[in-house]
Amino acid sequence: MKAQDDDLLVYDEDEAVKFILGFLPEEAKAGIDDTKIEYVLDVVYEYYEENGLIDEDSTEEASIDEEDMFKYIQKCAKKDKIEITDEEIQLILEGEYEYGKSIGIYNEEE
């Protein structure tokens, strides 16, 4: 687990984007670029903030309703006129989850 001196986890959006681009299956890479990934990551962060899931001073785990977050991203993309498919959103979210696991932010649910 990578952590700062105060034990808060370090999430680097640039590293997340690189990780997700490498995580994507070859057939998806043509339609998903760093701009789409950055958009989804920004909306995920907004979702976390709006739902009280981010506390910069805490390392406590939060439970995330993945279906609700997915619908939130769909709604935002439609409102912002971002051309992104449900499959692309899902792949980006899967890549973000794997990145989070790799740095110790997420744990496998049992």
Protein backbone atom coordinates (compact mmCIF):
# COMPACT_ATOMS: atom_id res chain seq x y z
CA MET A 1 0.00 0.00 0.00
CA LYS A 2 1.40 3.39 -0.96
CA ALA A 3 0.71 6.03 1.65
CA GLN A 4 1.82 9.47 2.71
CA ASP A 5 3.33 10.17 6.12
CA ASP A 6 -0.14 10.67 7.63
CA ASP A 7 -1.34 7.27 6.34
CA LEU A 8 -3.82 8.80 3.89
CA LEU A 9 -3.80 6.99 0.57
CA VAL A 10 -2.31 8.69 -2.47
CA TYR A 11 -4.55 8.81 -5.56
CA ASP A 12 -2.82 10.28 -8.59
CA GLU A 13 -5.31 10.97 -11.41
CA ASP A 14 -2.57 11.02 -14.07
CA GLU A 15 -1.35 7.62 -12.91
CA ALA A 16 -4.96 6.38 -12.79
CA VAL A 17 -5.51 7.45 -16.41
CA LYS A 18 -2.31 5.67 -17.52
CA PHE A 19 -3.28 2.56 -15.57
CA ILE A 20 -6.80 2.50 -17.04
CA LEU A 21 -5.50 2.98 -20.60
CA GLY A 22 -3.24 -0.04 -20.04
CA PHE A 23 -6.09 -2.03 -18.46
CA LEU A 24 -8.48 -1.63 -21.39
CA PRO A 25 -8.91 -4.51 -23.84
CA GLU A 26 -7.37 -3.75 -27.26
CA GLU A 27 -10.76 -3.56 -28.98
CA ALA A 28 -11.90 -0.82 -26.57
CA LYS A 29 -8.82 1.38 -26.89
CA ALA A 30 -9.96 2.87 -30.20
CA GLY A 31 -13.05 4.40 -28.60
CA ILE A 32 -11.73 5.34 -25.17
CA ASP A 33 -9.14 8.06 -24.85
CA ASP A 34 -7.70 9.91 -21.87
CA THR A 35 -10.36 12.63 -22.18
CA LYS A 36 -13.19 10.13 -21.62
CA ILE A 37 -11.33 8.54 -18.74
CA GLU A 38 -10.67 11.92 -17.10
CA TYR A 39 -14.34 12.84 -17.53
CA VAL A 40 -15.55 9.64 -15.86
CA LEU A 41 -13.02 10.02 -13.02
CA ASP A 42 -14.16 13.61 -12.44
CA VAL A 43 -17.82 12.55 -12.33
CA VAL A 44 -16.99 9.68 -9.96
CA TYR A 45 -15.28 12.18 -7.66
CA GLU A 46 -18.36 14.46 -7.85
CA TYR A 47 -20.54 11.46 -6.99
CA TYR A 48 -18.38 10.65 -3.98
CA GLU A 49 -18.52 14.25 -2.78
CA GLU A 50 -22.28 14.60 -3.27
CA ASN A 51 -22.90 11.38 -1.36
CA GLY A 52 -20.53 12.14 1.51
CA LEU A 53 -18.18 9.32 0.57
CA ILE A 54 -15.02 11.41 0.66
CA ASP A 55 -13.45 12.54 3.88
CA GLU A 56 -9.95 13.81 3.20
CA ASP A 57 -9.03 13.29 6.87
CA SER A 58 -10.22 9.71 7.15
CA THR A 59 -9.05 6.32 5.97
CA GLU A 60 -12.33 4.62 6.89
CA GLU A 61 -13.93 2.48 4.22
CA ALA A 62 -17.11 3.64 2.54
CA SER A 63 -19.72 1.48 0.88
CA ILE A 64 -20.42 2.52 -2.71
CA ASP A 65 -23.64 1.72 -4.56
CA GLU A 66 -22.10 0.86 -7.93
CA GLU A 67 -25.42 0.82 -9.79
CA ASP A 68 -26.37 4.25 -8.44
CA MET A 69 -22.94 5.64 -9.36
CA PHE A 70 -23.22 4.17 -12.87
CA LYS A 71 -26.63 5.82 -13.36
CA TYR A 72 -25.20 9.10 -12.05
CA ILE A 73 -22.38 8.96 -14.64
CA GLN A 74 -24.89 8.17 -17.42
CA LYS A 75 -27.04 11.14 -16.39
CA CYS A 76 -24.07 13.51 -16.23
CA ALA A 77 -22.71 12.35 -19.59
CA LYS A 78 -26.10 12.90 -21.21
CA LYS A 79 -26.45 16.34 -19.61
CA ASP A 80 -22.88 17.30 -20.63
CA LYS A 81 -23.39 15.85 -24.14
CA ILE A 82 -20.44 13.49 -23.76
CA GLU A 83 -20.51 10.69 -26.32
CA ILE A 84 -19.72 7.63 -24.25
CA THR A 85 -21.36 4.22 -24.28
CA ASP A 86 -22.46 2.24 -21.24
CA GLU A 87 -19.79 -0.34 -22.08
CA GLU A 88 -17.10 2.35 -22.15
CA ILE A 89 -18.25 3.69 -18.77
CA GLN A 90 -18.17 0.17 -17.35
CA LEU A 91 -14.67 -0.53 -18.68
CA ILE A 92 -13.36 2.75 -17.28
CA LEU A 93 -14.95 2.00 -13.89
CA GLU A 94 -13.43 -1.48 -13.89
CA GLY A 95 -10.02 0.00 -14.70
CA GLU A 96 -10.42 2.62 -11.98
CA TYR A 97 -11.34 -0.10 -9.49
CA GLU A 98 -8.25 -2.11 -10.44
CA TYR A 99 -6.09 1.01 -10.07
CA GLY A 100 -7.61 1.66 -6.65
CA LYS A 101 -6.91 -1.92 -5.59
CA SER A 102 -3.31 -1.61 -6.81
CA ILE A 103 -2.67 1.36 -4.48
CA GLY A 104 -4.71 0.03 -1.56
CA ILE A 105 -7.79 2.25 -1.81
CA TYR A 106 -10.25 -0.57 -2.52
CA ASN A 107 -10.49 -4.01 -1.01
CA GLU A 108 -12.17 -7.03 -2.57
CA GLU A 109 -15.67 -7.52 -1.21
CA GLU A 110 -16.18 -10.89 0.36
